[in-house]
Protein backbone atom coordinates (compact mmCIF):
# COMPACT_ATOMS: atom_id res chain seq x y z
CA MET A 1 -42.74 191.53 -174.29
CA LYS A 2 -46.02 193.06 -173.16
CA TYR A 3 -48.31 191.35 -170.65
CA SER A 4 -51.85 192.34 -169.64
CA VAL A 5 -53.76 191.12 -166.61
CA LEU A 6 -57.16 189.64 -167.51
CA SER A 7 -59.87 189.82 -164.86
CA VAL A 8 -63.62 190.19 -165.32
CA LEU A 9 -63.80 191.90 -161.92
CA ALA A 10 -63.28 195.08 -163.90
CA LEU A 11 -66.85 194.61 -165.12
CA VAL A 12 -68.45 194.30 -161.70
CA PHE A 13 -66.54 196.68 -159.39
CA THR A 14 -69.27 199.30 -159.82
CA SER A 15 -72.31 197.01 -159.97
CA LEU A 16 -72.92 196.81 -156.21
CA PHE A 17 -72.80 199.17 -153.30
CA THR A 18 -69.34 195.47 -151.19
CA SER A 19 -61.21 190.87 -144.38
CA CYS A 20 -58.48 191.35 -145.27
CA LYS A 21 -56.33 192.88 -147.99
CA ASN A 22 -53.86 190.42 -149.47
CA ASP A 23 -50.69 191.27 -151.36
CA LEU A 24 -50.83 189.58 -154.75
CA GLU A 25 -47.80 187.86 -156.19
CA VAL A 26 -46.99 188.65 -159.81
CA LEU A 27 -48.37 185.83 -161.92
CA ALA A 28 -46.08 184.08 -164.33
CA PRO A 29 -47.26 184.20 -167.96
CA GLY A 30 -49.93 181.55 -168.43
CA LYS A 31 -50.25 180.78 -164.70
CA GLU A 32 -53.95 180.53 -163.97
CA SER A 33 -55.88 181.78 -160.94
CA VAL A 34 -59.52 182.72 -160.34
CA SER A 35 -61.50 185.93 -160.26
CA VAL A 36 -64.54 185.64 -157.98
CA TYR A 37 -67.59 187.83 -157.50
CA GLY A 38 -70.17 186.46 -155.07
CA ILE A 39 -72.50 188.41 -152.78
CA LEU A 40 -74.81 186.17 -150.74
CA ASN A 41 -78.25 187.51 -149.88
CA PRO A 42 -80.46 185.41 -147.56
CA ASN A 43 -83.52 187.36 -148.82
CA GLU A 44 -83.09 186.11 -152.39
CA ARG A 45 -84.28 182.81 -153.81
CA THR A 46 -81.19 182.23 -155.96
CA GLN A 47 -77.53 182.81 -155.04
CA ASN A 48 -75.05 183.40 -157.88
CA ILE A 49 -71.25 183.13 -157.80
CA ARG A 50 -69.37 184.41 -160.82
CA ILE A 51 -65.97 182.77 -161.36
CA ASN A 52 -63.58 183.52 -164.21
CA LYS A 53 -60.03 182.75 -165.17
CA VAL A 54 -57.41 185.39 -164.41
CA TYR A 55 -53.81 185.25 -165.58
CA LEU A 56 -51.20 187.15 -167.54
CA THR A 57 -51.41 187.00 -171.30
CA ASP A 58 -48.96 188.06 -173.94
CA GLY A 59 -50.63 190.52 -176.30
CA ASP A 60 -53.93 192.34 -176.54
CA ALA A 61 -56.02 191.92 -173.37
CA ILE A 62 -59.12 193.34 -175.09
CA ALA A 63 -58.97 190.71 -177.82
CA ALA A 64 -58.33 187.97 -175.26
CA GLY A 65 -61.28 189.18 -173.18
CA GLN A 66 -63.61 188.59 -176.11
CA ASP A 67 -62.60 184.92 -176.22
CA ALA A 68 -65.06 182.94 -174.05
CA ASN A 69 -62.51 180.12 -173.63
CA THR A 70 -59.94 182.59 -172.30
CA ILE A 71 -62.07 183.98 -169.50
CA ASN A 72 -64.40 181.06 -168.73
CA PHE A 73 -63.65 177.72 -167.13
CA GLY A 74 -64.85 174.70 -169.04
CA PRO A 75 -68.01 172.74 -168.25
CA GLY A 76 -67.51 170.57 -165.18
CA GLU A 77 -64.02 171.95 -164.56
CA LEU A 78 -64.84 173.48 -161.16
CA ARG A 79 -66.58 172.13 -158.05
CA VAL A 80 -68.09 175.02 -156.07
CA THR A 81 -69.54 174.52 -152.58
CA LEU A 82 -70.89 176.45 -149.60
CA GLN A 83 -70.59 175.38 -145.95
CA ARG A 84 -71.93 177.19 -142.88
CA PHE A 85 -70.20 177.66 -139.52
CA MET A 86 -71.46 179.06 -136.21
CA ASN A 87 -69.69 180.96 -133.41
CA GLY A 88 -66.18 180.41 -134.71
CA SER A 89 -66.54 176.62 -134.90
CA THR A 90 -64.48 174.70 -137.46
CA THR A 91 -67.21 172.06 -137.79
CA PRO A 92 -69.77 172.71 -140.56
CA THR A 93 -73.40 173.00 -139.52
CA LEU A 94 -76.72 173.06 -141.38
CA THR A 95 -76.58 175.16 -144.55
CA THR A 96 -80.13 175.19 -145.81
CA VAL A 97 -83.36 176.40 -144.20
CA ALA A 98 -86.00 173.61 -144.01
CA ASN A 99 -83.41 170.87 -144.56
CA SER A 100 -82.35 169.26 -141.27
CA LEU A 101 -79.55 167.19 -142.82
CA LYS A 102 -77.76 169.29 -145.43
CA LYS A 103 -74.31 170.54 -144.37
CA GLU A 104 -72.89 171.33 -147.80
CA ILE A 105 -74.40 173.05 -150.82
CA VAL A 106 -72.95 172.05 -154.18
CA LEU A 107 -73.66 174.84 -156.66
CA THR A 108 -74.73 174.07 -160.21
CA GLU A 109 -73.22 175.83 -163.20
CA THR A 110 -75.02 177.70 -165.93
CA VAL A 111 -74.09 180.03 -168.80
CA VAL A 112 -75.75 183.45 -169.01
CA THR A 113 -75.61 186.17 -171.65
CA THR A 114 -74.43 189.57 -170.46
CA GLU A 115 -74.46 192.97 -172.14
CA SER A 116 -71.81 193.50 -174.79
CA GLY A 117 -68.61 195.22 -173.73
CA THR A 118 -64.95 194.49 -173.06
CA PHE A 119 -65.53 190.83 -172.25
CA ASN A 120 -67.29 188.02 -174.07
CA THR A 121 -71.05 188.09 -173.47
CA ASN A 122 -71.18 184.39 -172.52
CA GLN A 123 -70.38 184.10 -168.81
CA ARG A 124 -70.44 181.01 -166.60
CA LEU A 125 -72.15 181.28 -163.19
CA TRP A 126 -72.47 178.86 -160.29
CA GLN A 127 -75.78 179.07 -158.44
CA THR A 128 -78.07 177.50 -155.87
CA THR A 129 -81.75 177.88 -155.01
CA ASP A 130 -81.24 176.52 -151.48
CA LYS A 131 -82.61 178.96 -148.90
CA LEU A 132 -79.73 180.35 -146.81
CA TYR A 133 -79.83 181.07 -143.10
CA SER A 134 -79.55 184.70 -142.00
CA THR A 135 -77.01 183.89 -139.28
CA GLY A 136 -73.54 182.38 -139.12
CA GLU A 137 -70.68 182.38 -141.61
CA TYR A 138 -70.64 180.80 -145.05
CA LYS A 139 -67.44 179.42 -146.56
CA LEU A 140 -66.96 179.27 -150.32
CA THR A 141 -64.68 176.52 -151.67
CA ILE A 142 -63.71 176.38 -155.35
CA THR A 143 -61.87 173.28 -156.50
CA ASN A 144 -60.34 173.03 -159.98
CA LEU A 145 -60.87 169.36 -160.79
CA SER A 146 -58.25 169.50 -163.57
CA SER A 147 -55.38 171.06 -161.59
CA SER A 148 -56.55 170.23 -158.01
CA ALA A 149 -56.08 173.91 -157.10
CA VAL A 150 -58.34 175.07 -154.26
CA TYR A 151 -59.53 178.62 -153.59
CA THR A 152 -61.52 179.64 -150.51
CA ALA A 153 -63.27 182.61 -148.93
CA GLN A 154 -65.53 183.15 -145.93
CA THR A 155 -68.09 185.80 -144.99
CA THR A 156 -70.50 186.57 -142.16
CA ILE A 157 -74.07 186.46 -143.40
CA ILE A 158 -76.05 189.70 -143.04
CA ASP A 159 -79.63 189.69 -141.76
CA SER A 160 -82.28 192.24 -142.75
CA VAL A 161 -82.95 195.59 -141.12
CA LYS A 162 -85.16 194.90 -138.09
CA PRO A 163 -87.97 196.78 -136.32
CA PHE A 164 -87.28 198.65 -133.09
CA GLY A 165 -89.33 196.29 -130.99
CA THR A 166 -91.67 193.35 -131.36
CA GLN A 167 -94.86 195.09 -132.48
CA GLN A 168 -93.85 196.33 -135.94
CA PRO A 169 -93.62 194.26 -139.11
CA MET A 170 -90.10 193.86 -140.40
CA PRO A 171 -88.46 195.79 -141.96
CA PHE A 172 -88.99 199.07 -140.14
CA LEU A 173 -88.36 202.69 -141.10
CA TYR A 174 -88.65 205.09 -138.21
CA ILE A 175 -91.65 207.36 -137.63
CA PRO A 176 -90.95 209.35 -134.42
CA SER A 177 -94.60 210.16 -133.67
CA GLN A 178 -95.90 206.62 -134.23
CA PRO A 179 -93.05 204.14 -133.62
CA PHE A 180 -95.42 201.19 -133.10
CA THR A 181 -97.88 201.83 -135.92
CA TYR A 182 -96.63 200.92 -139.34
CA PRO A 183 -99.06 199.53 -141.92
CA MET A 184 -97.82 198.55 -145.37
CA HIS A 185 -99.36 199.53 -148.72
CA GLY A 186 -102.56 197.55 -149.16
CA ASN A 187 -103.34 197.49 -145.42
CA TYR A 188 -104.56 201.04 -144.86
CA PRO A 189 -108.12 202.04 -143.84
CA ALA A 190 -110.52 202.56 -146.72
CA ASN A 191 -111.68 205.90 -145.30
CA PRO A 192 -108.81 207.44 -143.33
CA ILE A 193 -109.47 210.12 -140.73
CA SER A 194 -107.20 212.86 -139.42
CA THR A 195 -105.78 210.69 -136.62
CA ASP A 196 -104.49 208.27 -139.28
CA LYS A 197 -102.25 210.93 -140.82
CA PRO A 198 -98.98 209.93 -139.03
CA LYS A 199 -99.22 206.48 -140.60
CA TYR A 200 -98.93 207.90 -144.12
CA VAL A 201 -96.05 209.39 -146.10
CA ASN A 202 -96.39 213.16 -146.42
CA TYR A 203 -93.64 215.30 -147.98
CA ASP A 204 -95.93 218.19 -148.87
CA VAL A 205 -93.78 221.07 -147.53
CA PRO A 206 -90.87 221.82 -149.91
CA SER A 207 -88.76 223.63 -147.27
CA VAL A 208 -88.91 220.85 -144.65
CA THR A 209 -86.08 218.33 -144.28
CA TYR A 210 -87.35 214.75 -144.11
CA ALA A 211 -85.47 211.56 -143.24
CA VAL A 212 -85.49 207.80 -143.66
CA LYS A 213 -84.27 206.30 -140.37
CA PHE A 214 -83.73 202.80 -139.01
CA ARG A 215 -81.54 200.87 -136.58
CA SER A 216 -78.37 199.13 -137.74
CA ILE A 217 -78.07 195.35 -137.60
CA PRO A 218 -75.15 193.25 -136.29
CA ASN A 219 -72.16 192.74 -138.62
CA ALA A 220 -73.45 195.22 -141.23
CA ARG A 221 -71.25 198.22 -142.01
CA ILE A 222 -72.63 199.83 -145.16
CA TYR A 223 -76.24 200.85 -145.85
CA GLY A 224 -78.05 202.09 -148.91
CA VAL A 225 -81.56 203.45 -149.43
CA VAL A 226 -83.68 203.81 -152.55
CA MET A 227 -86.95 205.73 -152.19
CA ARG A 228 -89.25 204.60 -155.00
CA PHE A 229 -92.32 206.58 -156.09
CA HIS A 230 -94.91 204.38 -157.81
CA TYR A 231 -97.55 205.84 -160.13
CA ILE A 232 -100.23 204.71 -162.60
CA ASP A 233 -100.74 206.06 -166.12
CA SER A 234 -104.23 206.18 -167.60
CA LEU A 235 -103.71 205.75 -171.34
CA LEU A 236 -105.47 207.52 -174.19
CA SER A 237 -105.61 204.20 -176.02
CA GLY A 238 -107.37 202.61 -173.06
CA GLY A 239 -106.16 200.73 -170.03
CA VAL A 240 -103.45 201.65 -167.56
CA SER A 241 -99.74 201.04 -167.03
CA MET A 242 -97.62 201.20 -163.88
CA ASP A 243 -94.18 202.75 -163.52
CA TYR A 244 -91.91 204.32 -160.90
CA VAL A 245 -89.17 206.89 -160.30
CA ASP A 246 -86.28 206.27 -157.89
CA TYR A 247 -84.65 208.68 -155.46
CA ASN A 248 -81.17 207.26 -154.85
CA PHE A 249 -79.24 208.20 -151.72
CA THR A 250 -75.49 208.10 -151.15
CA THR A 251 -74.50 205.09 -149.04
CA ALA A 252 -73.79 205.51 -145.32
CA ASN A 253 -71.68 203.52 -142.85
CA SER A 254 -72.53 202.46 -139.33
CA SER A 255 -70.06 203.53 -136.62
CA ASP A 256 -69.91 199.97 -135.24
CA LEU A 257 -70.87 196.40 -136.07
CA LEU A 258 -72.86 195.69 -132.90
CA GLY A 259 -76.27 196.67 -134.25
CA GLY A 260 -78.86 198.99 -132.73
CA THR A 261 -77.22 202.25 -133.86
CA MET A 262 -79.54 204.85 -135.36
CA ILE A 263 -78.80 205.30 -139.07
CA ASP A 264 -80.08 208.78 -139.89
CA ALA A 265 -77.88 209.91 -142.78
CA PHE A 266 -80.61 209.59 -145.42
CA THR A 267 -82.16 213.06 -145.43
CA PHE A 268 -83.76 215.20 -148.13
CA THR A 269 -85.97 218.25 -148.47
CA GLY A 270 -89.45 218.20 -149.91
CA ASP A 271 -88.16 220.42 -152.70
CA ALA A 272 -85.43 217.88 -153.54
CA PHE A 273 -88.08 215.17 -153.76
CA TYR A 274 -90.18 217.13 -156.28
CA LYS A 275 -87.15 218.04 -158.37
CA ASN A 276 -85.95 214.43 -158.43
CA LEU A 277 -89.43 213.25 -159.42
CA ALA A 278 -89.61 215.85 -162.18
CA ALA A 279 -86.20 214.83 -163.51
CA GLY A 280 -87.31 211.21 -163.60
CA MET A 281 -90.64 212.00 -165.24
CA ALA A 282 -88.87 214.04 -167.94
CA LYS A 283 -87.38 210.76 -169.17
CA LYS A 284 -90.79 209.12 -169.48
CA SER A 285 -93.01 209.40 -172.52
CA SER A 286 -96.34 211.18 -172.10
CA ALA A 287 -97.48 210.69 -175.69
CA ASN A 288 -100.21 208.17 -174.85
CA VAL A 289 -101.01 209.41 -171.31
CA ARG A 290 -104.38 210.89 -170.41
CA ASN A 291 -103.40 211.53 -166.79
CA ARG A 292 -101.37 210.06 -163.95
CA ARG A 293 -102.19 208.94 -160.41
CA SER A 294 -99.75 208.89 -157.49
CA TYR A 295 -99.92 205.34 -156.11
CA TYR A 296 -97.59 204.54 -153.18
CA MET A 297 -94.04 204.91 -151.85
CA GLU A 298 -91.53 202.08 -151.49
CA TYR A 299 -88.36 202.17 -149.39
CA ILE A 300 -85.62 199.68 -150.24
CA VAL A 301 -82.93 199.38 -147.55
CA THR A 302 -79.76 197.44 -148.34
CA ALA A 303 -77.27 196.39 -145.65
CA GLY A 304 -73.80 195.08 -146.48
CA SER A 305 -70.98 193.46 -144.52
CA GLU A 306 -67.72 195.17 -143.59
CA ASN A 307 -65.70 193.46 -146.33
CA LEU A 308 -68.27 194.63 -148.87
CA SER A 309 -67.82 198.19 -147.61
CA GLU A 310 -64.03 197.90 -147.88
CA PHE A 311 -64.28 196.42 -151.37
CA LEU A 312 -66.37 199.34 -152.61
CA GLN A 313 -64.22 201.95 -150.92
CA ILE A 314 -60.91 200.60 -152.21
CA ASN A 315 -62.17 199.99 -155.73
CA ALA A 316 -64.02 203.29 -156.11
CA PRO A 317 -62.85 205.27 -159.18
CA SER A 318 -60.08 207.72 -158.43
CA ALA A 319 -60.72 211.42 -159.09
CA THR A 320 -57.00 212.17 -159.54
CA ILE A 321 -54.38 211.29 -162.11
CA ALA A 322 -52.57 209.25 -159.45
CA GLN A 323 -53.90 205.70 -159.85
CA ASP A 324 -51.54 203.88 -157.47
CA LYS A 325 -54.00 202.49 -154.94
CA PRO A 326 -54.36 199.31 -152.87
CA TYR A 327 -56.09 196.29 -154.33
CA TYR A 328 -58.74 194.42 -152.38
CA THR A 329 -59.42 190.70 -152.33
CA ASN A 330 -60.64 188.26 -149.69
CA ILE A 331 -60.26 185.22 -151.95
CA SER A 332 -57.48 182.93 -150.72
CA GLY A 333 -55.36 182.06 -153.75
CA GLY A 334 -57.39 184.26 -156.10
CA VAL A 335 -58.78 187.77 -156.51
CA GLY A 336 -62.21 189.29 -156.00
CA ILE A 337 -64.90 189.50 -153.36
CA PHE A 338 -67.07 187.01 -151.47
CA SER A 339 -69.40 188.85 -149.15
CA SER A 340 -72.96 189.27 -147.90
CA ARG A 341 -75.78 191.77 -148.02
CA SER A 342 -79.52 191.87 -147.32
CA VAL A 343 -82.46 193.84 -148.66
CA SER A 344 -85.50 195.07 -146.71
CA THR A 345 -88.56 196.66 -148.29
CA VAL A 346 -91.30 198.85 -146.83
CA THR A 347 -94.29 200.13 -148.79
CA LYS A 348 -96.32 203.15 -147.60
CA ASP A 349 -99.41 204.95 -148.82
CA MET A 350 -99.38 208.73 -149.34
CA TRP A 351 -101.46 211.29 -147.44
CA ASN A 352 -103.85 213.33 -149.60
CA ASP A 353 -101.99 216.61 -149.00
CA PHE A 354 -98.87 215.02 -150.49
CA ILE A 355 -100.76 213.72 -153.53
CA ASP A 356 -102.29 217.18 -154.04
CA LYS A 357 -98.85 218.82 -153.86
CA ILE A 358 -97.43 216.44 -156.48
CA ALA A 359 -100.24 217.47 -158.82
CA CYS A 360 -99.64 221.19 -158.38
CA ASN A 361 -95.98 221.63 -157.48
CA PRO A 362 -94.33 223.74 -160.24
CA ASP A 363 -91.72 221.04 -160.90
CA THR A 364 -94.13 218.10 -161.20
CA ASN A 365 -97.26 219.89 -162.48
CA PRO A 366 -96.37 219.44 -166.19
CA TYR A 367 -96.51 215.64 -165.88
CA LEU A 368 -100.32 215.23 -165.72
CA PHE A 369 -100.69 214.03 -162.12
CA CYS A 370 -104.18 214.10 -160.65
CA ASN A 371 -104.93 215.30 -157.13
CA SER A 372 -106.25 213.06 -154.36
CA SER A 373 -109.80 213.40 -155.68
CA GLY A 374 -108.78 212.23 -159.15
CA LYS A 375 -109.07 215.64 -160.78
CA PRO A 376 -106.45 216.47 -163.46
CA SER A 377 -103.86 219.09 -162.46
CA ALA A 378 -104.83 221.30 -165.39
CA THR A 379 -108.25 221.93 -163.81
CA ILE A 380 -107.21 222.49 -160.18
CA CYS A 381 -103.82 224.21 -160.10
CA ASN A 382 -103.55 227.99 -160.34
């Protein structure tokens, strides 16, 4: 008799950048458990917890995975709650910002449609729009109202990347020459002068190594950075459209969980920036584009808890034929991940020298960027 383990976690292991590792008992055929995927983010308006059935089935797991009733719990079958605890206390405290009474969040269920693949496209989620605190620990409790089975998990909430001191807006990305001057896009002087230059992004020298730096925050282990270049297309048919190209960095870990450590692993050369931009622009259509204008830079910094880091590391695809590896879960009685992350965003305007270089750099010149004066590259670049 052939048995296959069904778990929709296979779909989401690679969707995120993630304490303990529990040994799983072999499930008896038909014995039901839960597969959980929930990453709390205090920066987001809505929190989503994905919960599916997981058990052994006799026969074709692919066919079973396409059956919504096989992988989804029924309407009203689960009660899903969040409670918050502070400083190791076992007594729940306030869970929701701006609500001085609420000590338990009861999540509501909804059905969403996912992309087609191994599993049925109809997936049941549990969600809340209650604003979470950025401190303390949140406990997830899942109660099966039919069987009375209870599954739990707990995670420390992760705050956002902070400024060095008290004078900078949060979040903060480090500028050595001007650590206390950090305007965001939309707040720059209308007519900048030379002394304003350190406040702007400028990657105009291809051979120079540049960096995105910031201080770590307490309880966060893993960090990710996306550097997003925004631009505006002027269209031959009239009007404009906005788009962007991302520069994605490999994640980095902090050496401790205390906070305050300099995270300086996100480095790149000017040449790498132009090549990445060119590769991204090659995927965009220029058929209806008269010219393009460099607009601004955005830096998206994600911080994740230690159990999220362990989850990603353990479940990373293996590069060898040997596939015997440990399995990660922090769900008591089930499998999966319940963790926390946060996202910080900084937007910066570009110095004119940088805009001019984008227009005329050999890699990016073919993509119709104008210089800082608005002149098309075809008329100004040798």
